[in-house]
Amino acid sequence: MKIHADALLFDNDGTLVSSLESVTRCWTRWAQEYGITAEAFGSIALHGRTAAEIAADLLPADVVPEAVARIELLEVEDVPNGGAHLLPGTREFLDMLPADRWAVVTSATRRLAEARLEAVGIRPKTLVTAEDVTRGKPDPEPYLLAARELGVAPSRCVVFEDAPAGLAAGRAAGMTTVALATTHRSHELDADLVVKDLSALSALVTDHAVEISVRG
């Protein structure tokens, strides 16, 4: 299978970078600090959503701003402790792409996203974070904003995601979707193409498009 596009839009956590252990560690501590029961915490989907949305599901509205600031601090401080590392194929795949042909679109705050990306040596020219939008994934707003910033029509963008919420956002934006089975099982991911991670893909860049292929 080959996919042709003008721009490639990547989720970060679980797509380019693995932060799963850090997320589990920090959010578990956060839940304990705010007296959230294990049952309540276990019923909430963490991956692919903004911290503000997660906190709003678990805490009174007047506590949410403080709670969001707290989890951001915990996660940023955890980055030097192995809180982020590159997933297989990330470096090689990004190195094939011109800087103006791709963006990172994350549900994390800018401070946290930049800390994790800097830790692994990824410096995107275009970065869309939680502060840049009013509605996070699965709403299409984050991906539509990235397409506008790159000057590319949504239909000519490919979204790379590991989470159902992010894939739903990509589909709603009218974009081609590629799912990476890094945090979810393949059968849980609804996408135009599902692969294990970026090491399964190659990219050929021309003057007019990027051709994405599955490695043989």
Protein backbone atom coordinates (compact mmCIF):
# COMPACT_ATOMS: atom_id res chain seq x y z
CA MET A 1 0.00 0.00 0.00
CA LYS A 2 1.21 3.50 -0.86
CA ILE A 3 -0.12 6.80 0.48
CA HIS A 4 0.55 10.14 -1.19
CA ALA A 5 0.37 13.36 0.82
CA ASP A 6 1.65 16.93 1.00
CA ALA A 7 2.06 16.99 4.79
CA LEU A 8 2.47 14.49 7.61
CA LEU A 9 0.98 15.19 11.04
CA PHE A 10 2.26 13.21 14.02
CA ASP A 11 0.86 12.73 17.47
CA ASN A 12 3.73 12.68 19.96
CA ASP A 13 3.23 10.42 22.98
CA GLY A 14 2.86 6.84 21.80
CA THR A 15 3.61 7.77 18.19
CA LEU A 16 7.05 9.40 18.12
CA VAL A 17 7.97 9.12 21.78
CA SER A 18 7.14 6.57 24.46
CA SER A 19 6.12 8.19 27.75
CA LEU A 20 3.76 5.46 28.95
CA GLU A 21 5.71 4.57 32.08
CA SER A 22 6.02 8.23 33.01
CA VAL A 23 2.32 8.86 32.40
CA THR A 24 1.37 5.92 34.60
CA ARG A 25 3.80 6.94 37.32
CA CYS A 26 2.82 10.62 37.40
CA TRP A 27 -0.92 10.24 37.00
CA THR A 28 -1.07 7.57 39.70
CA ARG A 29 0.69 9.90 42.11
CA TRP A 30 -1.58 12.77 41.03
CA ALA A 31 -4.72 10.72 41.64
CA GLN A 32 -3.52 9.78 45.12
CA GLU A 33 -2.76 13.41 45.95
CA TYR A 34 -6.29 14.44 44.97
CA GLY A 35 -8.00 11.54 46.74
CA ILE A 36 -9.34 9.93 43.57
CA THR A 37 -10.28 6.30 44.10
CA ALA A 38 -8.66 3.58 42.04
CA GLU A 39 -12.07 2.67 40.66
CA ALA A 40 -12.82 6.22 39.49
CA PHE A 41 -9.33 6.67 38.09
CA GLY A 42 -9.45 3.34 36.26
CA SER A 43 -12.70 4.26 34.53
CA ILE A 44 -11.16 7.29 32.78
CA ALA A 45 -9.35 7.13 29.44
CA LEU A 46 -5.99 8.88 29.79
CA HIS A 47 -4.32 8.43 26.45
CA GLY A 48 -4.81 10.95 23.68
CA ARG A 49 -6.76 13.46 25.78
CA THR A 50 -5.79 16.76 27.38
CA ALA A 51 -5.03 16.93 31.08
CA ALA A 52 -7.79 19.53 31.49
CA GLU A 53 -10.40 17.13 30.08
CA ILE A 54 -9.21 14.27 32.29
CA ALA A 55 -9.18 16.44 35.40
CA ALA A 56 -12.66 17.79 34.60
CA ASP A 57 -13.98 14.22 34.51
CA LEU A 58 -12.61 13.49 37.98
CA LEU A 59 -12.67 16.69 40.03
CA PRO A 60 -14.91 19.68 40.85
CA ALA A 61 -14.56 22.53 38.37
CA ASP A 62 -12.96 24.90 40.88
CA VAL A 63 -10.11 22.44 41.51
CA VAL A 64 -9.33 21.69 37.87
CA PRO A 65 -6.90 24.58 37.08
CA GLU A 66 -4.73 23.78 40.10
CA ALA A 67 -4.89 20.05 39.35
CA VAL A 68 -3.86 20.57 35.72
CA ALA A 69 -0.89 22.69 36.79
CA ARG A 70 0.11 19.96 39.24
CA ILE A 71 0.09 17.10 36.73
CA GLU A 72 2.02 19.22 34.24
CA LEU A 73 4.70 19.85 36.88
CA LEU A 74 4.89 16.17 37.83
CA GLU A 75 5.27 15.08 34.21
CA VAL A 76 7.81 17.76 33.27
CA GLU A 77 9.92 16.93 36.32
CA ASP A 78 9.76 13.24 35.39
CA VAL A 79 11.24 13.73 31.90
CA PRO A 80 14.89 13.59 33.09
CA ASN A 81 14.07 10.36 34.93
CA GLY A 82 13.51 8.45 31.71
CA GLY A 83 10.13 10.04 31.11
CA ALA A 84 10.54 9.95 27.33
CA HIS A 85 12.39 7.85 24.78
CA LEU A 86 12.16 7.42 21.03
CA LEU A 87 9.95 4.69 19.63
CA PRO A 88 11.38 2.37 16.93
CA GLY A 89 11.75 4.02 13.54
CA THR A 90 11.03 7.57 14.70
CA ARG A 91 14.43 9.09 14.04
CA GLU A 92 14.90 7.37 10.69
CA PHE A 93 11.43 8.29 9.43
CA LEU A 94 11.58 11.95 10.46
CA ASP A 95 15.04 12.28 8.94
CA MET A 96 13.49 11.49 5.54
CA LEU A 97 11.19 14.52 5.74
CA PRO A 98 11.79 18.23 5.02
CA ALA A 99 10.99 20.39 8.06
CA ASP A 100 8.13 22.19 6.30
CA ARG A 101 6.33 18.96 5.40
CA TRP A 102 5.51 17.72 8.91
CA ALA A 103 4.18 18.81 12.30
CA VAL A 104 3.65 17.43 15.78
CA VAL A 105 0.07 17.65 17.06
CA THR A 106 -0.24 16.71 20.73
CA SER A 107 -2.79 16.82 23.53
CA ALA A 108 0.00 17.72 25.96
CA THR A 109 0.74 21.27 27.07
CA ARG A 110 3.47 23.11 25.19
CA ARG A 111 5.80 23.03 28.18
CA LEU A 112 5.47 19.25 28.54
CA ALA A 113 5.59 18.54 24.81
CA GLU A 114 8.73 20.61 24.34
CA ALA A 115 10.39 18.94 27.35
CA ARG A 116 9.75 15.44 25.98
CA LEU A 117 10.71 16.33 22.41
CA GLU A 118 13.88 18.10 23.53
CA ALA A 119 14.85 15.09 25.64
CA VAL A 120 14.93 12.89 22.54
CA GLY A 121 16.32 15.51 20.15
CA ILE A 122 13.22 16.18 18.06
CA ARG A 123 12.67 19.83 17.12
CA PRO A 124 9.59 20.26 14.92
CA LYS A 125 9.22 23.47 12.99
CA THR A 126 5.46 23.30 13.61
CA LEU A 127 4.03 22.20 16.97
CA VAL A 128 0.34 22.27 17.95
CA THR A 129 -0.39 21.74 21.65
CA ALA A 130 -3.32 21.83 24.07
CA GLU A 131 -3.05 25.60 24.55
CA ASP A 132 -3.46 26.26 20.83
CA VAL A 133 -7.01 24.89 20.53
CA THR A 134 -10.33 25.21 22.29
CA ARG A 135 -11.35 21.59 21.63
CA GLY A 136 -8.91 18.71 21.87
CA LYS A 137 -8.94 15.31 20.19
CA PRO A 138 -11.22 13.57 19.17
CA ASP A 139 -12.37 16.95 17.82
CA PRO A 140 -10.62 17.68 14.49
CA GLU A 141 -9.55 21.20 15.53
CA PRO A 142 -5.90 20.33 16.42
CA TYR A 143 -5.24 18.62 13.08
CA LEU A 144 -7.07 21.26 11.06
CA LEU A 145 -4.96 23.94 12.75
CA ALA A 146 -1.75 22.08 11.88
CA ALA A 147 -2.86 21.79 8.24
CA ARG A 148 -3.51 25.55 8.12
CA GLU A 149 -0.12 26.35 9.64
CA LEU A 150 1.59 24.18 7.02
CA GLY A 151 -0.56 25.65 4.24
CA VAL A 152 -1.86 22.26 3.13
CA ALA A 153 -5.43 21.14 2.41
CA PRO A 154 -6.72 18.63 5.00
CA SER A 155 -7.38 16.06 2.30
CA ARG A 156 -3.65 16.12 1.47
CA CYS A 157 -2.54 15.39 5.04
CA VAL A 158 -1.77 12.07 6.71
CA VAL A 159 -2.25 11.67 10.46
CA PHE A 160 -0.06 9.25 12.44
CA GLU A 161 -1.64 8.21 15.73
CA ASP A 162 -1.62 5.48 18.35
CA ALA A 163 -4.85 6.38 20.16
CA PRO A 164 -8.50 6.00 19.09
CA ALA A 165 -9.25 9.62 20.06
CA GLY A 166 -6.51 10.92 17.78
CA LEU A 167 -7.52 8.69 14.89
CA ALA A 168 -11.09 9.92 15.26
CA ALA A 169 -9.80 13.50 15.12
CA GLY A 170 -7.88 12.75 11.93
CA ARG A 171 -10.89 11.14 10.26
CA ALA A 172 -13.14 14.02 11.29
CA ALA A 173 -10.63 16.42 9.73
CA GLY A 174 -10.93 14.58 6.42
CA MET A 175 -7.37 13.26 6.55
CA THR A 176 -5.84 9.87 5.78
CA THR A 177 -5.03 8.00 9.00
CA VAL A 178 -2.17 5.68 9.88
CA ALA A 179 -2.39 3.87 13.21
CA LEU A 180 0.63 2.65 15.16
CA ALA A 181 -0.02 -0.33 17.42
CA THR A 182 2.31 0.89 20.17
CA THR A 183 -0.20 1.43 22.99
CA HIS A 184 -3.33 -0.32 21.66
CA ARG A 185 -3.90 -3.61 19.88
CA SER A 186 -4.31 -3.48 16.12
CA HIS A 187 -7.97 -4.52 16.23
CA GLU A 188 -8.73 -1.56 18.51
CA LEU A 189 -7.49 0.95 15.93
CA ASP A 190 -9.72 2.23 13.12
CA ALA A 191 -7.46 3.66 10.41
CA ASP A 192 -6.70 3.53 6.70
CA LEU A 193 -3.48 1.69 7.55
CA VAL A 194 -2.33 -0.03 10.76
CA VAL A 195 1.36 -0.85 11.39
CA LYS A 196 3.40 -1.76 14.45
CA ASP A 197 5.38 1.50 14.53
CA LEU A 198 7.22 3.90 12.22
CA SER A 199 9.96 1.34 11.54
CA ALA A 200 7.43 -0.42 9.29
CA LEU A 201 7.26 2.60 6.94
CA SER A 202 9.46 4.44 4.48
CA ALA A 203 8.99 7.85 2.86
CA LEU A 204 9.99 9.09 -0.59
CA VAL A 205 9.97 12.87 -0.89
CA THR A 206 9.46 14.56 -4.27
CA ASP A 207 8.95 18.19 -5.27
CA HIS A 208 5.18 17.75 -5.09
CA ALA A 209 4.38 15.09 -2.49
CA VAL A 210 5.53 12.51 0.03
CA GLU A 211 4.98 8.86 -0.87
CA ILE A 212 4.60 6.63 2.19
CA SER A 213 5.11 2.89 1.75
CA VAL A 214 5.06 -0.17 3.94
CA ARG A 215 8.48 -1.77 4.03
CA GLY A 216 8.63 -5.17 2.35
